[in-house]
Amino acid sequence: MRDKMTVSKRILNIFTVAVVIALVSCTFISKYVFDMRTPVVSVVKSASMEINGEMYYNKVIPKSAVFVGSEGRKYVYVVRERNGLFGNEFYIVTAEITVNAENEEYAVMGGRNVSGNDNIVIQPDSALEFADVVRIAAE
């Protein structure tokens, strides 16, 4: 009788270890697939610089970061951070802006929707939408 219990406990322990290994493996595979399907974006923070030799401006960004909506309103994609399924994750919000000045390469943002410390997406490879989860490209 004692041997049967010992064998049962061993089988239960082996089964428990197998289930734990399977769950850990599934978690790593899920994270890998999640990362592969998540768009990678390049970001920039606004800078201060002289535009057109006229004035020194704050909140200057590349023009490739400025998009025009269906009603002609200009906006940028801003990357925010939140707690997600696999820890902290980055997601997209759109922020309406005004363009106060510009040259061939840069635009000066106006408005209160974007701060100088925000990560602003430049030249996204794919269409982005509000609340899309993204990864930030390594610099």
Protein backbone atom coordinates (compact mmCIF):
# COMPACT_ATOMS: atom_id res chain seq x y z
CA MET A 1 0.00 0.00 0.00
CA ARG A 2 2.82 2.35 0.90
CA ASP A 3 4.54 1.79 -2.45
CA LYS A 4 1.36 2.70 -4.34
CA MET A 5 1.13 6.04 -2.52
CA THR A 6 4.76 6.80 -3.22
CA VAL A 7 4.29 5.98 -6.90
CA SER A 8 1.11 8.12 -6.99
CA LYS A 9 2.95 11.03 -5.38
CA ARG A 10 5.81 10.71 -7.84
CA ILE A 11 3.42 10.67 -10.79
CA LEU A 12 1.59 13.70 -9.35
CA ASN A 13 4.90 15.55 -8.89
CA ILE A 14 6.03 14.72 -12.43
CA PHE A 15 2.65 15.83 -13.80
CA THR A 16 2.83 19.09 -11.80
CA VAL A 17 6.31 19.85 -13.11
CA ALA A 18 5.20 19.09 -16.67
CA VAL A 19 2.21 21.44 -16.34
CA VAL A 20 4.41 24.24 -14.93
CA ILE A 21 6.92 23.81 -17.77
CA ALA A 22 4.09 23.88 -20.32
CA LEU A 23 2.62 27.05 -18.81
CA VAL A 24 5.98 28.82 -18.69
CA SER A 25 6.67 27.78 -22.29
CA CYS A 26 3.27 29.07 -23.43
CA THR A 27 3.91 32.39 -21.68
CA PHE A 28 7.25 32.85 -23.44
CA ILE A 29 5.78 31.84 -26.80
CA SER A 30 2.84 34.24 -26.29
CA LYS A 31 5.21 37.10 -25.45
CA TYR A 32 7.32 36.31 -28.54
CA VAL A 33 4.27 36.26 -30.84
CA PHE A 34 2.92 39.44 -29.20
CA ASP A 35 6.24 41.21 -29.79
CA MET A 36 6.41 40.01 -33.41
CA ARG A 37 2.92 41.35 -34.16
CA THR A 38 3.43 44.70 -32.39
CA PRO A 39 4.40 47.58 -34.71
CA VAL A 40 7.79 49.19 -34.07
CA VAL A 41 7.86 52.99 -34.21
CA SER A 42 10.64 55.55 -34.21
CA VAL A 43 10.13 58.45 -31.84
CA VAL A 44 11.56 61.89 -31.28
CA LYS A 45 11.18 64.49 -28.56
CA SER A 46 10.56 68.07 -29.58
CA ALA A 47 13.60 70.32 -29.67
CA SER A 48 14.40 74.01 -29.55
CA MET A 49 15.93 75.57 -32.66
CA GLU A 50 15.95 78.49 -35.03
CA ILE A 51 13.51 78.25 -37.93
CA ASN A 52 14.00 80.16 -41.21
CA GLY A 53 16.68 82.32 -39.56
CA GLU A 54 13.87 84.28 -37.92
CA MET A 55 13.25 83.14 -34.38
CA TYR A 56 14.29 80.55 -31.87
CA TYR A 57 11.34 78.20 -31.22
CA ASN A 58 10.51 75.52 -28.67
CA LYS A 59 8.56 72.36 -29.51
CA VAL A 60 10.12 71.86 -32.94
CA ILE A 61 9.56 68.44 -34.57
CA PRO A 62 10.31 66.91 -37.97
CA LYS A 63 7.54 67.52 -40.50
CA SER A 64 7.37 63.74 -40.99
CA ALA A 65 5.70 63.58 -37.57
CA VAL A 66 2.81 65.87 -38.53
CA PHE A 67 -0.32 64.34 -40.07
CA VAL A 68 -3.46 65.92 -41.48
CA GLY A 69 -6.86 64.49 -40.60
CA SER A 70 -9.97 64.29 -42.72
CA GLU A 71 -11.15 67.74 -41.60
CA GLY A 72 -7.78 69.35 -42.27
CA ARG A 73 -6.78 69.35 -38.61
CA LYS A 74 -3.15 68.60 -37.88
CA TYR A 75 -2.12 66.03 -35.31
CA VAL A 76 0.79 63.94 -34.08
CA TYR A 77 0.98 60.42 -32.66
CA VAL A 78 2.20 60.48 -29.06
CA VAL A 79 3.48 57.36 -27.31
CA ARG A 80 2.22 56.86 -23.75
CA GLU A 81 3.00 54.09 -21.26
CA ARG A 82 0.65 51.92 -19.19
CA ASN A 83 0.59 48.62 -17.35
CA GLY A 84 -0.21 45.84 -19.84
CA LEU A 85 -0.47 42.08 -20.08
CA PHE A 86 3.31 41.52 -20.11
CA GLY A 87 4.30 44.45 -17.88
CA ASN A 88 4.58 48.05 -19.00
CA GLU A 89 3.61 48.65 -22.61
CA PHE A 90 3.57 51.61 -24.96
CA TYR A 91 0.45 52.74 -26.78
CA ILE A 92 -0.57 55.47 -29.22
CA VAL A 93 -2.71 58.54 -28.62
CA THR A 94 -3.36 61.26 -31.16
CA ALA A 95 -2.86 64.86 -30.16
CA GLU A 96 -4.22 67.76 -32.18
CA ILE A 97 -1.69 70.52 -32.78
CA THR A 98 -1.31 73.78 -34.63
CA VAL A 99 1.72 74.53 -36.75
CA ASN A 100 2.98 77.99 -35.81
CA ALA A 101 5.98 78.06 -38.16
CA GLU A 102 7.75 75.66 -40.51
CA ASN A 103 10.48 75.21 -43.04
CA GLU A 104 11.32 72.37 -45.44
CA GLU A 105 12.22 69.92 -42.65
CA TYR A 106 10.71 71.10 -39.37
CA ALA A 107 7.44 72.35 -37.90
CA VAL A 108 6.80 74.26 -34.69
CA MET A 109 3.97 72.73 -32.65
CA GLY A 110 1.45 74.89 -30.91
CA GLY A 111 -1.23 73.92 -28.47
CA ARG A 112 -1.43 72.25 -25.09
CA ASN A 113 -1.94 68.65 -26.19
CA VAL A 114 1.76 67.77 -26.43
CA SER A 115 4.56 68.55 -24.00
CA GLY A 116 8.25 68.88 -24.78
CA ASN A 117 8.94 65.57 -23.02
CA ASP A 118 6.48 63.46 -25.03
CA ASN A 119 7.71 60.77 -27.42
CA ILE A 120 6.33 61.69 -30.84
CA VAL A 121 6.17 59.11 -33.62
CA ILE A 122 8.01 59.92 -36.85
CA GLN A 123 7.35 58.19 -40.16
CA PRO A 124 5.32 55.17 -38.98
CA ASP A 125 5.64 52.10 -41.23
CA SER A 126 1.97 51.23 -40.89
CA ALA A 127 -1.29 52.98 -40.12
CA LEU A 128 -1.68 53.69 -36.43
CA GLU A 129 -4.87 54.14 -34.48
CA PHE A 130 -5.75 55.44 -31.04
CA ALA A 131 -4.70 52.97 -28.29
CA ASP A 132 -2.63 50.72 -30.62
CA VAL A 133 0.13 48.99 -28.70
CA VAL A 134 3.59 49.67 -30.16
CA ARG A 135 7.25 49.04 -29.46
CA ILE A 136 9.77 51.87 -29.60
CA ALA A 137 12.67 51.26 -31.98
CA ALA A 138 16.12 51.09 -30.42
CA GLU A 139 18.06 54.26 -31.01
